Structure formats: structure tokens, C-alpha cells
Amino acid sequence: MSRNWARAALARLDAHDEAALVTVLATEGSAPREAGTKMVVWRGGQDGTIGGGNLEYRVADQARRMLDIPQTQFAIQDYPLGPLLAQCCGGRVRLFLERLNDNSRGWLTEAAQRMDAAEPFEVRTRFEPGALTKSIAPILSAQDEAPPVTLAGGPASARGPRPAPGDELVERADAPRPPLLLFGAGHVGQAIARAFEPLPFQLFWYDTRPETADLPGVSVLSPAEMAAKAMGADPDAFGLVLTHDHALDYALVSAGLAGGGFSYFGVIGSKTKRARFMRRLRDDGFSEAALTRLTCPIGLPQLKSKAPEVIAVSVAADLLMRQEAARVRNDEGLIRASL
């Protein structure tokens, strides 16, 4: 899915394209995507995915046919994946298709801004006869066990009652994207930035060289300013150091370790570079416990290629697996706490 589906929708409206927003309301059994997944569909294309395959093909076609009927504002559609679509996952999904037009700009703009700022929010949809009323509301406190989509106050169901006039559908967008501090905008840095653009991370990208200011998203800072960013990183942040200068790499690594932030902190390099950095860090007084927080080389050890694009995919896979492992540990902790 597009990292910011609301911006994708606004881009179609800006291009004077009619568009439809498709949302997975609920699933049952094995399904290709989870509740809350969205994609934007217009006559000439789409942004995002609800899982691909025959389901996505059929739904995109239905969304385009809906755009050809001006009086149709929305539709709720159930899909049994095995019997109807011959998809091997065999589950069931309920989808919500809604027309987007210039009247949608207000709530789409607010949703896009909140996603840009990684601010949790709810999309509230009230069903009126033949129409929808949409609004955005902030989420003031996280609720780990709250369902992603509720209808009339209860979890949305793949088989239960459909929305009736007066019902309110609430979609939570409260999964914050952890910050990723990327130090360096060379070939590998650029490949990593491209790979992470659609992923659930909030990218902060830095370099010291003035010529990198032409790259979208890069902030040009002095070495001291970059070191301050590394030292002040939050505990949930991810950090990657891959500048054009080994001395600058070392200064950033030292600052990051001294600051005590980062749930993951990696520096690009060989095993030889790692050994040299570790020896210098010990000489500079860093404890063994601090040194265990540094990852070098970065990425999956099974992938040996030095091509920037391969390194980027390798790093992305590694960080996604670490993020998922942390989520599982958190879920297990919540279960133990409730027993």
C-alpha cells in the first residue's frame, strides 16, 4: 500500500481524475491483507494493493464501474475467496468502496497531514441514506487491543450486519512509524531511501555535502549537527550510518552510542571496519554492553552482494524482521500481563 494513501487520493483529484477508495473492513480465515488495508483506484490505474490476485482484479474493476455511475457513492462488497474467486487462501473479506471527489478534500488533507507527522487518528464514516459523512479525529491514547475497524461500536465483521443509516464506521490509524535516521546520501543511501519510502518507517535523511541538497528529503547539516541528531535519537529509533567519510562515520557512531538511543544502530562496512571501530570505541571508554548495540556489517548476512540496491533490500528486510520480532515480544508481554 502507498505509505500515504490520502496523498495518493489527493494527487488523483489534483489531476482531475475521479477515484475510488477501497478499504478492507474485515476478514475471516486466511486472507491476503488485514483489516484497514487501503488502495486508491481510478480509471487509468491504482495506488496500493489489497493483496493482488483475482480479488484485487475484480475489486478494481468494480471500483471503476462504480465511477461510471454518478449516483453511486459507496458500496459494501463481500468476497468468499475460495468459492467465488478460486484463490487458494480460502478466507473471506468484506470491502468498502467509496467515491472520492472535491468534497473529499477536507478529510483527505487532514488524514494526509497526520500520516506525514506520524500522528495517530481515526477516520469516522457516518452512513446516511445515499450519502456518507466523513471526519478525522485524533487518537489521544494508544489502545493495543483495539480492533482496527469498528462498526456501530463493535468490531467489523466479514459476515455480520452491514452498515445501516445512522451507523458509524471507525477506522484506526494508530500504528506509529518508528523514526529511521539515515546518515549519508551516497549511492547506498539513495538506494536505501528509495527502498524505505513505502515502508512503515518515518525517514529522516542527513548529509554534510551541499550538493546532496538537490535530493528530495535530504537535510544538509554540519558534522556537529549530525552528531547531535545521533546523540539525541529516541529509544525507539532506527539508525543507519553510511557517509562518504570513515572519520565522520566513527564520530556519528560514537555520538549515537553515547546518547543511549536507538533500538537498532548500524554502520555500513566490512568485518575489518567493524574490528577497527570496536577497538577505537573500547579505547575511548565505551563498555562492552554499549558495543553490543552496534550492528556492523548491516543487512542480512546471507546476502553478499555490494550492489546498492541489494544492500537496500537486505537492510529493509532486516529492519522489518526486527520490527516484527519486537511487536511479537510486546504482544506476548501483554498476554502474560493479562493472565
Protein backbone atom coordinates (compact mmCIF):
# COMPACT_ATOMS: atom_id res chain seq x y z
CA MET A 1 0.00 0.00 0.00
CA SER A 2 1.10 3.53 -0.59
CA ARG A 3 2.72 4.87 2.56
CA ASN A 4 0.21 7.74 2.46
CA TRP A 5 -3.00 6.66 0.74
CA ALA A 6 -4.61 10.03 1.40
CA ARG A 7 -1.86 11.83 -0.54
CA ALA A 8 -2.28 9.33 -3.37
CA ALA A 9 -6.01 10.11 -3.45
CA LEU A 10 -5.40 13.87 -3.40
CA ALA A 11 -2.95 13.50 -6.29
CA ARG A 12 -5.71 11.94 -8.41
CA LEU A 13 -8.13 14.73 -7.51
CA ASP A 14 -5.45 17.28 -8.39
CA ALA A 15 -5.13 15.56 -11.78
CA HIS A 16 -8.93 15.87 -12.22
CA ASP A 17 -9.33 12.09 -12.09
CA GLU A 18 -12.34 10.54 -10.44
CA ALA A 19 -11.15 8.00 -7.90
CA ALA A 20 -12.44 5.36 -5.51
CA LEU A 21 -11.03 4.36 -2.14
CA VAL A 22 -11.13 0.63 -1.36
CA THR A 23 -10.82 -0.44 2.29
CA VAL A 24 -10.65 -3.94 3.78
CA LEU A 25 -13.27 -3.73 6.55
CA ALA A 26 -12.95 -7.25 7.95
CA THR A 27 -11.50 -10.67 7.18
CA GLU A 28 -12.30 -14.23 8.15
CA GLY A 29 -9.94 -17.18 7.85
CA SER A 30 -6.94 -16.82 5.55
CA ALA A 31 -6.97 -13.53 3.65
CA PRO A 32 -4.31 -11.73 1.59
CA ARG A 33 -4.35 -8.46 3.59
CA GLU A 34 -5.53 -7.34 7.03
CA ALA A 35 -8.46 -5.12 8.02
CA GLY A 36 -7.74 -1.45 7.43
CA THR A 37 -5.69 -2.00 4.25
CA LYS A 38 -6.49 0.56 1.55
CA MET A 39 -5.91 1.19 -2.13
CA VAL A 40 -6.88 4.04 -4.42
CA VAL A 41 -8.36 3.15 -7.83
CA TRP A 42 -9.02 5.38 -10.83
CA ARG A 43 -9.87 4.63 -14.44
CA GLY A 44 -6.26 4.57 -15.57
CA GLY A 45 -4.57 2.84 -12.66
CA GLN A 46 -4.31 2.28 -8.93
CA ASP A 47 -2.09 3.03 -5.94
CA GLY A 48 -1.60 0.40 -3.27
CA THR A 49 -2.77 -3.19 -3.04
CA ILE A 50 -5.28 -5.27 -1.11
CA GLY A 51 -3.34 -8.44 -1.83
CA GLY A 52 -3.22 -8.90 -5.58
CA GLY A 53 -4.64 -11.86 -7.44
CA ASN A 54 -8.20 -12.29 -8.67
CA LEU A 55 -9.65 -10.45 -5.69
CA GLU A 56 -7.78 -7.24 -6.47
CA TYR A 57 -8.54 -7.53 -10.19
CA ARG A 58 -12.26 -7.95 -9.56
CA VAL A 59 -12.45 -5.20 -6.95
CA ALA A 60 -10.53 -2.69 -9.09
CA ASP A 61 -12.91 -3.44 -11.95
CA GLN A 62 -15.91 -2.97 -9.66
CA ALA A 63 -14.50 0.34 -8.39
CA ARG A 64 -14.08 1.64 -11.95
CA ARG A 65 -17.62 0.58 -12.85
CA MET A 66 -18.85 2.44 -9.76
CA LEU A 67 -17.13 5.59 -11.04
CA ASP A 68 -19.25 5.34 -14.20
CA ILE A 69 -22.48 5.57 -12.16
CA PRO A 70 -22.59 9.12 -10.76
CA GLN A 71 -25.39 8.42 -8.29
CA THR A 72 -23.48 5.60 -6.57
CA GLN A 73 -21.46 6.98 -3.67
CA PHE A 74 -20.34 3.77 -1.96
CA ALA A 75 -20.72 0.00 -1.88
CA ILE A 76 -20.12 -2.78 0.65
CA GLN A 77 -18.98 -6.00 -1.01
CA ASP A 78 -18.36 -9.48 0.43
CA TYR A 79 -15.92 -11.84 -1.26
CA PRO A 80 -15.58 -15.54 -0.32
CA LEU A 81 -12.11 -16.08 -1.72
CA GLY A 82 -12.29 -19.80 -2.39
CA PRO A 83 -15.75 -20.41 -3.93
CA LEU A 84 -16.10 -17.11 -5.78
CA LEU A 85 -12.56 -16.18 -6.78
CA ALA A 86 -10.71 -19.53 -6.72
CA GLN A 87 -7.96 -18.06 -4.54
CA CYS A 88 -6.10 -20.66 -2.53
CA CYS A 89 -6.18 -18.64 0.73
CA GLY A 90 -9.83 -19.64 1.02
CA GLY A 91 -10.90 -16.97 3.51
CA ARG A 92 -13.47 -14.23 3.29
CA VAL A 93 -13.20 -10.44 3.10
CA ARG A 94 -15.64 -7.55 3.36
CA LEU A 95 -14.68 -4.45 1.39
CA PHE A 96 -15.84 -0.85 1.46
CA LEU A 97 -15.70 1.08 -1.83
CA GLU A 98 -16.32 4.83 -1.74
CA ARG A 99 -16.26 7.55 -4.36
CA LEU A 100 -13.78 10.40 -3.90
CA ASN A 101 -14.36 13.87 -5.30
CA ASP A 102 -13.59 17.50 -4.48
CA ASN A 103 -15.91 17.27 -1.47
CA SER A 104 -13.46 14.71 -0.04
CA ARG A 105 -10.51 17.11 0.01
CA GLY A 106 -11.03 18.32 3.57
CA TRP A 107 -10.85 14.99 5.36
CA LEU A 108 -8.26 13.57 2.94
CA THR A 109 -5.97 16.55 3.54
CA GLU A 110 -6.22 16.19 7.31
CA ALA A 111 -5.56 12.44 7.09
CA ALA A 112 -2.54 13.05 4.83
CA GLN A 113 -1.09 15.63 7.21
CA ARG A 114 -1.49 13.34 10.20
CA MET A 115 0.19 10.46 8.35
CA ASP A 116 3.06 12.76 7.35
CA ALA A 117 3.51 13.65 11.03
CA ALA A 118 3.02 10.03 12.22
CA GLU A 119 0.11 11.20 14.40
CA PRO A 120 -2.49 8.53 15.33
CA PHE A 121 -6.00 9.28 14.11
CA GLU A 122 -9.39 7.81 13.30
CA VAL A 123 -11.36 8.02 10.08
CA ARG A 124 -15.03 8.25 11.03
CA THR A 125 -17.70 7.49 8.45
CA ARG A 126 -21.37 8.04 9.23
CA PHE A 127 -23.81 6.33 6.90
CA GLU A 128 -26.75 8.45 5.84
CA PRO A 129 -29.38 7.49 3.25
CA GLY A 130 -27.47 7.52 -0.04
CA ALA A 131 -24.54 9.51 1.37
CA LEU A 132 -21.51 9.43 3.66
CA THR A 133 -20.33 11.94 6.23
CA LYS A 134 -16.55 11.74 6.78
CA SER A 135 -14.39 13.20 9.55
CA ILE A 136 -10.93 12.80 11.09
CA ALA A 137 -10.39 12.66 14.85
CA PRO A 138 -7.10 12.39 16.78
CA ILE A 139 -6.37 9.35 18.93
CA LEU A 140 -5.26 10.68 22.29
CA SER A 141 -4.17 7.38 23.86
CA ALA A 142 -2.98 4.15 22.26
CA GLN A 143 -5.09 1.02 22.74
CA ASP A 144 -3.05 -2.02 21.82
CA GLU A 145 -6.02 -4.39 21.67
CA ALA A 146 -8.49 -2.08 19.92
CA PRO A 147 -9.80 -3.51 16.62
CA PRO A 148 -8.61 -1.66 13.52
CA VAL A 149 -12.17 -1.20 12.21
CA THR A 150 -15.38 -0.94 14.24
CA LEU A 151 -18.98 -0.59 13.11
CA ALA A 152 -21.74 0.73 15.39
CA GLY A 153 -19.40 0.34 18.36
CA GLY A 154 -18.34 -3.27 17.77
CA PRO A 155 -15.61 -4.96 15.68
CA ALA A 156 -16.43 -5.00 11.98
CA SER A 157 -17.30 -8.50 10.75
CA ALA A 158 -16.86 -10.26 7.43
CA ARG A 159 -20.34 -11.81 7.81
CA GLY A 160 -22.25 -9.65 10.27
CA PRO A 161 -24.76 -6.88 9.60
CA ARG A 162 -23.83 -4.29 7.02
CA PRO A 163 -23.85 -0.58 7.84
CA ALA A 164 -27.33 0.85 8.30
CA PRO A 165 -28.40 4.51 8.18
CA GLY A 166 -27.11 6.21 11.30
CA ASP A 167 -24.30 3.70 11.88
CA GLU A 168 -20.75 4.97 12.30
CA LEU A 169 -17.70 3.17 10.93
CA VAL A 170 -14.42 3.96 12.72
CA GLU A 171 -11.03 3.07 11.23
CA ARG A 172 -7.99 3.45 13.46
CA ALA A 173 -4.68 4.59 12.02
CA ASP A 174 -2.73 4.43 15.26
CA ALA A 175 0.32 2.35 14.37
CA PRO A 176 3.15 4.91 14.67
CA ARG A 177 6.01 4.65 12.21
CA PRO A 178 9.32 4.46 14.09
CA PRO A 179 11.87 7.07 13.02
CA LEU A 180 14.72 5.96 10.78
CA LEU A 181 17.73 8.29 10.90
CA LEU A 182 19.75 7.81 7.72
CA PHE A 183 23.20 9.44 7.76
CA GLY A 184 24.65 9.62 4.26
CA ALA A 185 23.23 10.32 0.79
CA GLY A 186 25.64 8.48 -1.46
CA HIS A 187 24.65 5.66 -3.80
CA VAL A 188 23.78 3.28 -0.96
CA GLY A 189 21.96 5.97 1.00
CA GLN A 190 19.87 6.84 -2.05
CA ALA A 191 19.01 3.19 -2.66
CA ILE A 192 18.02 2.74 0.99
CA ALA A 193 15.85 5.88 0.90
CA ARG A 194 14.04 4.57 -2.19
CA ALA A 195 13.53 1.14 -0.63
CA PHE A 196 12.13 2.56 2.60
CA GLU A 197 9.82 5.14 1.02
CA PRO A 198 6.74 2.82 1.05
CA LEU A 199 7.68 1.03 4.29
CA PRO A 200 6.32 1.75 7.79
CA PHE A 201 9.17 3.99 8.90
CA GLN A 202 9.47 7.77 9.20
CA LEU A 203 12.64 8.70 7.32
CA PHE A 204 14.99 11.48 8.44
CA TRP A 205 17.87 11.79 5.95
CA TYR A 206 21.08 13.76 6.53
CA ASP A 207 24.33 14.56 4.74
CA THR A 208 27.08 17.19 5.08
CA ARG A 209 27.70 17.81 1.38
CA PRO A 210 25.90 20.83 -0.15
CA GLU A 211 25.35 19.05 -3.47
CA THR A 212 23.09 16.47 -1.79
CA ALA A 213 20.54 19.22 -1.08
CA ASP A 214 19.11 18.54 -4.54
CA LEU A 215 17.97 15.08 -3.40
CA PRO A 216 14.34 15.14 -2.17
CA GLY A 217 14.24 14.66 1.58
CA VAL A 218 17.91 15.30 2.40
CA SER A 219 18.78 17.84 5.10
CA VAL A 220 22.32 19.22 4.77
CA LEU A 221 23.88 19.63 8.22
CA SER A 222 27.33 20.20 9.63
CA PRO A 223 29.15 17.19 11.15
CA ALA A 224 28.44 18.56 14.62
CA GLU A 225 24.73 18.92 13.83
CA MET A 226 24.58 15.37 12.51
CA ALA A 227 26.31 14.10 15.65
CA ALA A 228 23.73 15.93 17.75
CA LYS A 229 20.97 14.16 15.83
CA ALA A 230 22.60 10.79 16.55
CA MET A 231 23.15 11.60 20.22
CA GLY A 232 19.57 12.79 20.68
CA ALA A 233 17.86 9.86 18.97
CA ASP A 234 14.80 8.38 20.67
CA PRO A 235 14.97 4.84 22.15
CA ASP A 236 12.57 3.53 19.51
CA ALA A 237 14.53 5.00 16.58
CA PHE A 238 16.45 3.04 13.95
CA GLY A 239 19.80 4.45 12.80
CA LEU A 240 21.98 3.80 9.76
CA VAL A 241 25.42 5.39 9.29
CA LEU A 242 26.86 5.27 5.76
CA THR A 243 28.53 8.56 4.97
CA HIS A 244 31.32 9.22 2.46
CA ASP A 245 33.90 9.61 5.26
CA HIS A 246 35.07 6.93 7.73
CA ALA A 247 36.05 9.59 10.26
CA LEU A 248 32.54 11.03 10.12
CA ASP A 249 31.10 7.52 10.40
CA TYR A 250 33.09 7.00 13.59
CA ALA A 251 32.04 10.35 15.05
CA LEU A 252 28.37 9.53 14.41
CA VAL A 253 28.73 6.03 15.87
CA SER A 254 30.38 7.45 18.99
CA ALA A 255 27.64 10.07 19.36
CA GLY A 256 24.86 7.54 18.88
CA LEU A 257 26.27 5.10 21.41
CA ALA A 258 26.94 7.89 23.90
CA GLY A 259 23.38 9.14 23.59
CA GLY A 260 21.87 5.81 24.56
CA GLY A 261 19.05 5.99 21.99
CA PHE A 262 18.24 3.74 19.04
CA SER A 263 16.57 0.35 19.21
CA TYR A 264 18.79 -0.53 16.23
CA PHE A 265 22.01 1.26 15.26
CA GLY A 266 24.04 0.11 12.26
CA VAL A 267 27.06 1.30 10.32
CA ILE A 268 27.96 0.14 6.84
CA GLY A 269 31.30 -1.62 6.48
CA SER A 270 33.28 -4.81 6.37
CA LYS A 271 34.33 -7.05 9.24
CA THR A 272 37.68 -5.24 9.14
CA LYS A 273 35.98 -1.86 9.62
CA ARG A 274 33.96 -3.34 12.47
CA ALA A 275 37.12 -4.58 14.20
CA ARG A 276 38.80 -1.19 13.86
CA PHE A 277 35.76 0.68 15.14
CA MET A 278 35.34 -1.69 18.08
CA ARG A 279 38.99 -1.28 19.07
CA ARG A 280 38.73 2.53 18.92
CA LEU A 281 35.44 2.55 20.84
CA ARG A 282 36.97 0.44 23.62
CA ASP A 283 39.95 2.78 23.72
CA ASP A 284 37.51 5.70 24.02
CA GLY A 285 35.92 4.12 27.08
CA PHE A 286 32.76 2.51 25.72
CA SER A 287 31.62 -0.55 27.67
CA GLU A 288 31.06 -3.97 26.15
CA ALA A 289 27.33 -3.54 26.79
CA ALA A 290 27.37 -0.36 24.68
CA LEU A 291 29.30 -2.08 21.90
CA THR A 292 26.69 -4.83 21.60
CA ARG A 293 24.22 -2.14 20.46
CA LEU A 294 26.18 -1.51 17.26
CA THR A 295 25.50 -3.57 14.13
CA CYS A 296 28.24 -3.83 11.51
CA PRO A 297 28.02 -5.00 8.76
CA ILE A 298 24.40 -4.02 8.13
CA GLY A 299 21.76 -6.13 6.39
CA LEU A 300 21.22 -9.86 6.19
CA PRO A 301 24.48 -11.84 6.33
CA GLN A 302 23.18 -14.29 3.71
CA LEU A 303 23.21 -11.58 1.01
CA LYS A 304 26.80 -10.89 -0.02
CA SER A 305 26.28 -8.50 -2.95
CA LYS A 306 27.72 -4.99 -2.64
CA ALA A 307 25.26 -3.52 -5.15
CA PRO A 308 23.46 -0.56 -3.53
CA GLU A 309 20.02 -1.89 -4.44
CA VAL A 310 20.78 -5.30 -2.93
CA ILE A 311 22.15 -3.71 0.24
CA ALA A 312 18.98 -1.61 0.45
CA VAL A 313 16.69 -4.65 0.16
CA SER A 314 18.83 -6.55 2.65
CA VAL A 315 18.69 -3.73 5.21
CA ALA A 316 14.95 -3.26 4.70
CA ALA A 317 14.29 -6.97 5.27
CA ASP A 318 16.48 -6.99 8.39
CA LEU A 319 14.76 -3.96 9.96
CA LEU A 320 11.28 -5.24 9.11
CA MET A 321 12.09 -8.57 10.79
CA ARG A 322 13.43 -6.77 13.85
CA GLN A 323 10.29 -4.63 13.97
CA GLU A 324 8.06 -7.69 13.72
CA ALA A 325 10.03 -9.53 16.43
CA ALA A 326 9.60 -6.53 18.74
CA ARG A 327 5.86 -6.49 18.06
CA VAL A 328 5.58 -10.21 18.88
CA ARG A 329 7.53 -9.73 22.12
CA ASN A 330 5.24 -6.86 23.06
CA ASP A 331 2.12 -8.93 22.31
CA GLU A 332 3.45 -11.83 24.39
CA GLY A 333 4.17 -9.43 27.25
CA LEU A 334 0.60 -8.11 27.12
CA ILE A 335 -0.76 -11.67 27.19
CA ARG A 336 1.38 -12.60 30.22
CA ALA A 337 0.36 -9.41 31.99
CA SER A 338 -3.32 -10.24 31.49
CA LEU A 339 -3.04 -13.77 32.93
